[in-house]
N, C-alpha and C. Protein backbone atom coordinates (compact mmCIF):
# COMPACT_ATOMS: atom_id res chain seq x y z
N MET A 1 1.08 -1.14 0.44
CA MET A 1 -0.19 -0.19 -0.35
C MET A 1 0.83 1.43 -0.22
N ILE A 2 0.94 2.16 -0.77
CA ILE A 2 1.47 3.19 -0.98
C ILE A 2 1.24 4.28 0.14
N ASP A 3 1.75 5.34 0.18
CA ASP A 3 1.71 6.58 1.11
C ASP A 3 0.56 7.48 0.35
N GLN A 4 -0.55 7.94 0.64
CA GLN A 4 -0.85 8.93 -0.26
C GLN A 4 -0.88 10.01 -0.18
N ASP A 5 -0.10 10.27 0.95
CA ASP A 5 0.70 11.90 0.73
C ASP A 5 1.34 11.74 -0.03
N ASP A 6 2.47 10.60 -0.34
CA ASP A 6 3.77 10.81 -0.66
C ASP A 6 3.11 10.93 -2.41
N LEU A 7 2.18 10.29 -3.13
CA LEU A 7 1.54 10.15 -3.92
C LEU A 7 1.25 11.42 -4.77
N TYR A 8 0.59 12.22 -3.41
CA TYR A 8 0.14 13.64 -3.74
C TYR A 8 0.98 14.38 -3.56
N GLN A 9 1.91 14.68 -3.04
CA GLN A 9 3.42 15.24 -3.15
C GLN A 9 3.68 15.08 -4.74
N LEU A 10 3.98 13.84 -5.07
CA LEU A 10 4.85 13.60 -6.23
C LEU A 10 3.91 14.14 -7.62
N ILE A 11 2.65 13.95 -7.73
CA ILE A 11 1.69 14.51 -8.73
C ILE A 11 1.87 16.09 -8.50
N TRP A 12 1.65 17.14 -7.00
CA TRP A 12 1.81 18.45 -7.27
C TRP A 12 3.28 18.90 -7.83
N MET A 13 4.43 18.13 -7.43
CA MET A 13 5.70 18.31 -7.93
C MET A 13 5.93 18.44 -9.38
N SER A 14 5.44 17.77 -9.87
CA SER A 14 4.81 18.08 -11.34
C SER A 14 5.10 19.56 -11.74
N ARG A 15 4.30 20.30 -11.31
CA ARG A 15 4.17 21.58 -11.74
C ARG A 15 5.49 22.47 -11.44
N PRO A 16 6.37 22.38 -10.62
CA PRO A 16 7.33 23.31 -10.24
C PRO A 16 8.35 22.18 -10.93
N LEU A 17 8.37 21.03 -10.97
CA LEU A 17 9.01 20.38 -12.07
C LEU A 17 9.69 21.26 -13.34
N MET A 18 8.13 21.44 -14.30
CA MET A 18 7.59 21.77 -15.56
C MET A 18 8.34 23.30 -15.75
N GLN A 19 8.18 23.69 -14.66
CA GLN A 19 8.36 25.55 -14.49
C GLN A 19 10.17 25.76 -14.53
N ALA A 20 10.59 24.88 -13.60
CA ALA A 20 12.05 24.69 -13.60
C ALA A 20 12.65 24.27 -15.04
N ALA A 21 11.76 23.57 -15.29
CA ALA A 21 12.48 22.92 -16.95
C ALA A 21 12.24 24.05 -17.86
N GLU A 22 11.16 24.49 -17.52
CA GLU A 22 10.69 25.93 -18.94
C GLU A 22 11.89 26.76 -18.83
N THR A 23 12.51 27.07 -17.69
CA THR A 23 13.12 28.41 -17.12
C THR A 23 14.19 27.80 -17.73
N VAL A 24 14.96 26.92 -18.02
CA VAL A 24 15.91 26.54 -18.31
C VAL A 24 16.24 26.34 -19.75
N VAL A 25 14.91 25.75 -20.21
CA VAL A 25 14.42 26.14 -21.95
C VAL A 25 15.03 27.02 -22.24
N GLU A 26 13.72 28.03 -21.71
CA GLU A 26 13.84 29.39 -22.02
C GLU A 26 15.24 30.10 -22.04
N GLN A 27 16.14 29.82 -21.57
CA GLN A 27 17.52 30.61 -20.90
C GLN A 27 18.34 29.88 -22.50
N GLY A 28 17.99 28.55 -22.30
CA GLY A 28 18.88 27.74 -23.44
C GLY A 28 18.67 28.47 -25.14
N LEU A 29 17.37 29.12 -24.81
CA LEU A 29 16.92 29.64 -26.28
C LEU A 29 17.14 31.02 -26.53
N GLU A 30 18.06 31.95 -25.85
CA GLU A 30 17.73 33.02 -25.73
C GLU A 30 18.71 33.68 -26.97
N ASP A 31 19.78 32.88 -27.85
CA ASP A 31 20.28 33.20 -29.10
C ASP A 31 19.87 32.35 -29.95
N THR A 32 18.58 32.10 -29.86
CA THR A 32 18.09 31.35 -31.06
C THR A 32 16.73 32.31 -31.79
N GLY A 33 16.19 32.74 -30.90
CA GLY A 33 14.90 33.79 -31.70
C GLY A 33 13.59 33.36 -31.20
N LEU A 34 13.71 32.03 -31.02
CA LEU A 34 12.63 31.12 -30.24
C LEU A 34 12.30 31.32 -29.19
N THR A 35 10.63 31.02 -28.96
CA THR A 35 10.15 31.08 -27.76
C THR A 35 9.94 29.66 -26.95
N VAL A 36 9.90 29.37 -26.17
CA VAL A 36 9.36 28.09 -25.56
C VAL A 36 8.39 27.31 -26.66
N ARG A 37 7.16 28.21 -26.99
CA ARG A 37 5.92 27.28 -27.65
C ARG A 37 6.68 27.32 -29.24
N THR A 38 7.10 28.19 -29.74
CA THR A 38 7.63 27.95 -31.11
C THR A 38 8.56 26.82 -31.34
N ARG A 39 9.63 27.02 -30.08
CA ARG A 39 10.14 25.40 -29.57
C ARG A 39 9.12 23.91 -29.84
N ALA A 40 8.90 24.03 -29.48
CA ALA A 40 7.58 22.93 -29.00
C ALA A 40 6.87 22.35 -30.14
N VAL A 41 6.61 23.37 -31.12
CA VAL A 41 6.38 23.30 -32.27
C VAL A 41 7.14 22.63 -33.62
N LEU A 42 8.57 23.54 -33.33
CA LEU A 42 9.40 22.94 -34.37
C LEU A 42 10.29 21.17 -34.04
N GLU A 43 10.24 21.04 -32.88
CA GLU A 43 10.64 19.45 -32.27
C GLU A 43 9.05 18.63 -32.66
N ILE A 44 7.87 19.01 -32.64
CA ILE A 44 6.53 18.38 -33.10
C ILE A 44 6.96 17.72 -34.62
N LEU A 45 7.23 19.23 -35.28
CA LEU A 45 7.49 18.87 -36.78
C LEU A 45 9.02 18.24 -36.84
N LEU A 46 9.77 18.38 -36.46
CA LEU A 46 11.53 17.67 -36.62
C LEU A 46 10.73 15.95 -35.88
N ALA A 47 10.06 15.82 -35.26
CA ALA A 47 9.79 14.37 -35.14
C ALA A 47 8.75 13.67 -35.77
N GLN A 48 7.85 14.34 -36.23
CA GLN A 48 7.14 13.76 -37.32
C GLN A 48 6.88 14.11 -38.90
N ASP A 49 8.33 15.40 -39.37
CA ASP A 49 8.71 15.29 -40.07
C ASP A 49 7.31 16.62 -40.77
N ALA A 50 6.10 16.24 -40.70
CA ALA A 50 5.17 17.53 -41.46
C ALA A 50 4.01 17.26 -40.23
N ALA A 51 3.28 18.30 -40.38
CA ALA A 51 1.52 17.67 -39.40
C ALA A 51 1.04 19.31 -40.18
N THR A 52 -0.47 19.19 -39.56
CA THR A 52 -1.65 19.73 -39.82
C THR A 52 -1.40 20.78 -38.60
N VAL A 53 -2.38 22.05 -38.12
CA VAL A 53 -2.09 22.58 -37.21
C VAL A 53 -3.20 21.89 -36.05
N PRO A 54 -4.33 21.40 -36.44
CA PRO A 54 -4.89 20.37 -35.60
C PRO A 54 -4.03 19.25 -34.92
N ASP A 55 -2.87 18.56 -35.80
CA ASP A 55 -2.38 17.94 -35.49
C ASP A 55 -1.41 17.84 -34.27
N ILE A 56 -0.74 19.25 -34.47
CA ILE A 56 0.19 19.66 -33.52
C ILE A 56 -0.74 20.07 -32.33
N ALA A 57 -2.04 21.04 -32.86
CA ALA A 57 -2.46 21.50 -31.11
C ALA A 57 -2.64 19.90 -30.20
N GLN A 58 -3.19 18.70 -31.55
CA GLN A 58 -3.37 17.39 -30.61
C GLN A 58 -2.54 16.74 -29.90
N LYS A 59 -1.24 17.09 -30.25
CA LYS A 59 0.16 16.57 -29.73
C LYS A 59 0.40 17.47 -28.59
N LEU A 60 0.45 18.81 -28.57
CA LEU A 60 0.38 19.41 -27.47
C LEU A 60 -0.34 19.63 -26.61
N GLU A 61 -1.37 19.08 -26.64
CA GLU A 61 -2.45 19.23 -25.92
C GLU A 61 -3.41 21.08 -25.67
N ILE A 62 -3.14 21.51 -26.97
CA ILE A 62 -3.30 22.99 -26.45
C ILE A 62 -4.59 23.10 -27.83
N LYS A 63 -5.41 24.28 -27.75
CA LYS A 63 -6.34 24.97 -28.80
C LYS A 63 -5.85 24.93 -29.89
N ARG A 64 -6.31 24.58 -31.14
CA ARG A 64 -5.85 24.72 -32.17
C ARG A 64 -5.77 25.88 -32.88
N GLN A 65 -6.46 27.30 -32.16
CA GLN A 65 -6.00 28.16 -32.52
C GLN A 65 -4.43 29.09 -31.91
N TYR A 66 -4.78 28.49 -30.54
CA TYR A 66 -3.48 29.22 -30.32
C TYR A 66 -2.30 28.32 -30.78
N VAL A 67 -2.33 27.31 -31.39
CA VAL A 67 -1.08 26.68 -32.37
C VAL A 67 -0.82 27.46 -33.29
N GLN A 68 -1.99 27.86 -34.40
CA GLN A 68 -2.13 28.55 -35.18
C GLN A 68 -1.28 29.59 -35.51
N VAL A 69 -1.29 30.39 -34.17
CA VAL A 69 -0.70 31.73 -33.49
C VAL A 69 0.79 31.52 -33.94
N MET A 70 1.26 30.38 -33.00
CA MET A 70 2.33 29.80 -32.99
C MET A 70 3.49 29.73 -34.11
N VAL A 71 2.46 28.97 -35.12
CA VAL A 71 2.97 28.26 -36.36
C VAL A 71 3.13 29.33 -37.12
N ASN A 72 2.30 30.58 -36.97
CA ASN A 72 2.15 31.47 -37.96
C ASN A 72 3.74 32.52 -37.47
N GLU A 73 4.03 32.11 -36.53
CA GLU A 73 5.45 33.24 -35.85
C GLU A 73 6.50 31.99 -36.62
N THR A 74 6.55 31.13 -36.50
CA THR A 74 7.24 30.00 -37.90
C THR A 74 7.35 30.44 -38.78
N LEU A 75 6.16 30.52 -39.63
CA LEU A 75 6.16 30.43 -40.53
C LEU A 75 6.95 32.05 -40.77
N ALA A 76 6.26 33.29 -40.72
CA ALA A 76 7.05 34.31 -40.23
C ALA A 76 8.44 34.67 -40.38
N ASP A 77 9.36 33.66 -39.53
CA ASP A 77 10.66 33.56 -39.41
C ASP A 77 11.38 32.58 -39.81
N GLY A 78 10.31 32.14 -41.20
CA GLY A 78 11.24 31.06 -42.37
C GLY A 78 11.88 30.14 -41.73
N LEU A 79 11.62 29.28 -40.43
CA LEU A 79 11.22 28.21 -40.14
C LEU A 79 10.80 26.93 -40.37
N THR A 80 9.54 27.57 -40.72
CA THR A 80 8.27 26.89 -41.57
C THR A 80 8.15 26.98 -42.90
N ARG A 81 7.70 25.72 -43.50
CA ARG A 81 6.39 25.97 -44.85
C ARG A 81 5.39 25.59 -45.09
N LYS A 82 4.50 26.23 -45.33
CA LYS A 82 3.30 25.54 -45.98
C LYS A 82 3.52 24.54 -47.04
N ARG A 83 2.53 23.26 -47.15
CA ARG A 83 2.68 22.48 -48.09
C ARG A 83 1.01 22.19 -48.21
N GLU A 84 0.38 21.86 -49.62
CA GLU A 84 -0.93 21.01 -49.86
C GLU A 84 -1.00 20.28 -48.78
N ASN A 85 -2.21 20.28 -48.65
CA ASN A 85 -2.66 18.80 -48.02
C ASN A 85 -4.05 18.19 -49.02
N PRO A 86 -3.82 17.45 -49.55
CA PRO A 86 -4.06 16.08 -50.67
C PRO A 86 -5.80 16.04 -49.69
N ARG A 87 -5.79 16.06 -48.61
CA ARG A 87 -6.83 15.78 -47.85
C ARG A 87 -7.82 16.74 -47.23
N HIS A 88 -6.96 18.03 -47.14
CA HIS A 88 -7.69 19.22 -46.66
C HIS A 88 -7.50 20.25 -47.32
N LYS A 89 -8.34 20.93 -47.61
CA LYS A 89 -7.72 22.11 -48.85
C LYS A 89 -7.29 23.38 -47.84
N ARG A 90 -8.67 23.16 -46.82
CA ARG A 90 -8.32 24.41 -45.45
C ARG A 90 -6.99 24.31 -44.78
N SER A 91 -6.42 23.24 -44.47
CA SER A 91 -5.75 22.78 -43.23
C SER A 91 -4.59 22.08 -43.76
N THR A 92 -3.37 23.43 -44.12
CA THR A 92 -2.30 22.62 -44.61
C THR A 92 -1.46 21.66 -44.28
N ILE A 93 -0.35 20.97 -44.48
CA ILE A 93 0.51 21.08 -43.68
C ILE A 93 1.82 21.36 -43.51
N ILE A 94 2.17 21.67 -42.35
CA ILE A 94 3.09 22.76 -41.95
C ILE A 94 4.57 21.45 -41.89
N ALA A 95 5.73 21.83 -42.58
CA ALA A 95 6.79 21.60 -42.71
C ALA A 95 7.66 22.32 -42.71
N LEU A 96 9.27 21.74 -41.77
CA LEU A 96 9.77 22.66 -41.64
C LEU A 96 10.79 23.06 -42.80
N THR A 97 11.49 23.99 -42.66
CA THR A 97 12.35 24.61 -43.87
C THR A 97 13.91 23.68 -43.40
N ASP A 98 14.63 24.00 -44.14
CA ASP A 98 16.12 23.65 -43.66
C ASP A 98 16.44 24.77 -42.64
N LYS A 99 16.33 26.00 -42.52
CA LYS A 99 16.71 26.64 -41.59
C LYS A 99 16.09 26.26 -40.25
N GLY A 100 14.71 26.13 -40.32
CA GLY A 100 14.15 25.38 -39.18
C GLY A 100 14.87 24.01 -38.46
N ARG A 101 14.88 23.29 -39.87
CA ARG A 101 15.18 21.89 -39.12
C ARG A 101 16.80 22.04 -38.61
N VAL A 102 17.71 22.93 -39.09
CA VAL A 102 19.36 23.12 -38.33
C VAL A 102 18.69 23.47 -37.03
N LEU A 103 18.28 24.46 -37.05
CA LEU A 103 18.07 25.50 -35.43
C LEU A 103 17.45 24.50 -34.50
N ILE A 104 16.56 23.52 -34.84
CA ILE A 104 15.89 22.89 -33.59
C ILE A 104 16.69 21.65 -33.53
N GLN A 105 17.15 21.44 -34.70
CA GLN A 105 18.01 20.03 -34.06
C GLN A 105 19.14 20.70 -33.27
N ASP A 106 19.52 22.05 -33.42
CA ASP A 106 20.96 22.15 -32.30
C ASP A 106 20.73 22.60 -30.90
N VAL A 107 18.98 23.01 -30.82
CA VAL A 107 18.32 23.27 -30.04
C VAL A 107 18.22 21.85 -29.15
N VAL A 108 17.77 21.05 -29.86
CA VAL A 108 17.73 19.60 -29.02
C VAL A 108 19.06 18.96 -28.84
N HIS A 109 20.07 19.26 -29.57
CA HIS A 109 21.45 18.37 -29.15
C HIS A 109 21.66 19.19 -27.76
N ARG A 110 21.60 20.63 -28.13
CA ARG A 110 21.79 21.10 -26.44
C ARG A 110 21.42 20.61 -25.10
N GLU A 111 19.90 20.44 -25.27
CA GLU A 111 18.85 20.25 -24.56
C GLU A 111 19.42 18.86 -23.78
N LYS A 112 19.68 18.13 -24.93
CA LYS A 112 20.43 16.58 -24.63
C LYS A 112 21.32 16.46 -23.41
N ARG A 113 22.62 17.35 -24.26
CA ARG A 113 23.58 17.43 -23.30
C ARG A 113 23.86 18.17 -21.79
N LEU A 114 22.43 18.71 -21.76
CA LEU A 114 21.92 19.61 -20.19
C LEU A 114 21.49 18.44 -19.69
N VAL A 115 20.56 17.85 -20.32
CA VAL A 115 19.90 16.43 -19.69
C VAL A 115 21.00 15.46 -19.10
N ALA A 116 22.20 15.21 -20.18
CA ALA A 116 22.78 14.35 -19.83
C ALA A 116 23.53 14.60 -18.41
N SER A 117 24.04 16.04 -17.98
CA SER A 117 24.95 16.68 -16.84
C SER A 117 23.92 16.18 -16.14
N LEU A 118 22.73 16.27 -15.97
CA LEU A 118 21.48 16.53 -14.93
C LEU A 118 21.43 15.15 -14.52
N GLY A 119 21.31 14.24 -15.45
CA GLY A 119 21.37 12.48 -15.07
C GLY A 119 22.88 11.68 -14.80
N HIS A 120 23.47 12.12 -14.92
CA HIS A 120 24.78 11.43 -15.02
C HIS A 120 25.06 10.97 -13.67
N ASP A 121 24.40 10.91 -12.39
CA ASP A 121 24.41 10.19 -11.27
C ASP A 121 23.55 9.67 -10.86
N LEU A 122 22.05 9.36 -11.49
CA LEU A 122 21.13 9.39 -11.68
C LEU A 122 20.78 7.37 -12.11
N ASN A 123 20.50 6.93 -11.62
CA ASN A 123 20.39 4.95 -11.45
C ASN A 123 19.47 5.30 -12.92
N SER A 124 19.58 4.33 -13.79
CA SER A 124 18.76 4.31 -14.85
C SER A 124 17.58 3.55 -14.27
N ALA A 125 17.36 2.64 -13.86
CA ALA A 125 16.28 2.12 -13.79
C ALA A 125 15.01 2.88 -12.42
N ASP A 126 15.57 3.31 -11.58
CA ASP A 126 14.67 4.67 -10.83
C ASP A 126 14.20 5.73 -11.92
N VAL A 127 14.88 5.98 -12.92
CA VAL A 127 14.67 6.56 -14.00
C VAL A 127 13.16 6.30 -14.88
N LYS A 128 13.68 4.63 -15.40
CA LYS A 128 12.67 4.06 -16.05
C LYS A 128 11.50 4.15 -14.89
N THR A 129 11.97 3.75 -13.66
CA THR A 129 10.50 3.41 -12.64
C THR A 129 9.56 4.81 -12.56
N ALA A 130 10.14 6.14 -12.50
CA ALA A 130 9.66 7.63 -12.56
C ALA A 130 8.60 7.06 -13.77
N LEU A 131 9.37 7.13 -15.12
CA LEU A 131 8.63 7.43 -15.61
C LEU A 131 7.36 6.49 -16.22
N GLY A 132 7.48 4.93 -15.71
CA GLY A 132 6.20 4.43 -15.73
C GLY A 132 5.10 5.04 -15.06
N LEU A 133 5.84 5.32 -13.44
CA LEU A 133 4.67 5.72 -12.64
C LEU A 133 4.20 6.86 -13.15
N ILE A 134 4.64 8.04 -13.81
CA ILE A 134 4.10 9.73 -14.05
C ILE A 134 3.50 9.17 -15.25
N SER A 135 4.12 7.98 -16.39
CA SER A 135 2.67 7.85 -17.23
C SER A 135 1.07 7.12 -17.32
N THR A 136 1.55 6.30 -16.12
CA THR A 136 0.78 5.66 -15.42
C THR A 136 -0.52 6.82 -14.92
N LEU A 137 -0.01 7.59 -14.02
CA LEU A 137 -0.65 8.66 -13.23
C LEU A 137 -1.55 9.34 -14.46
N ILE A 138 -0.75 9.62 -15.46
CA ILE A 138 -1.68 10.57 -16.50
C ILE A 138 -2.66 10.05 -17.09
N ASP A 139 -2.80 8.54 -17.58
CA ASP A 139 -3.48 8.34 -18.05
C ASP A 139 -4.44 7.81 -17.08
N ARG A 140 -4.29 7.29 -15.87
CA ARG A 140 -5.68 7.35 -14.97
C ARG A 140 -6.01 8.65 -14.70
N LEU A 141 -5.09 9.84 -14.63
CA LEU A 141 -6.02 11.08 -14.18
C LEU A 141 -6.35 11.74 -15.65
N LYS A 142 -6.16 11.50 -16.68
CA LYS A 142 -6.60 11.61 -18.81
C LYS A 142 -8.22 10.84 -18.16
N SER A 143 -8.29 9.54 -17.77
CA SER A 143 -9.45 8.59 -18.32
C SER A 143 -10.63 9.05 -17.10
N GLY A 144 -10.31 9.48 -16.26
CA GLY A 144 -11.35 9.86 -15.19
C GLY A 144 -11.11 9.15 -13.82
N ILE A 145 -10.02 8.74 -13.54
CA ILE A 145 -9.74 7.28 -12.73
C ILE A 145 -10.34 5.96 -12.77
């Protein structure tokens, strides 16, 4: 039987963890012209090659209209481009430009070096256990327990 106070604390610790991570990510973006939000869009496009705004919104779990604003910023900066979507005339496909691909690859590479230094003395099994626990909690909370 788990200590429900510990589990409660674990769940609520996710907010300061994400805030601290976002601060570090933001600091790492200072010389890139990216925001944390536009960085997230580019990372999704790097992983998926291309996506529609609704696809990106679903992945980020935020409203499509907000993602459209972020995508518009990446388009204006020449980091992404629109492609025709053969399945839907109004929902274009967004893809990285070469400039956007190089930029997000560099950002991700720097972040992975930071993560490696953060975790150099952590136990791999503990990290896998924590990852599994967090995934289970997310699934249960989203499904209404």
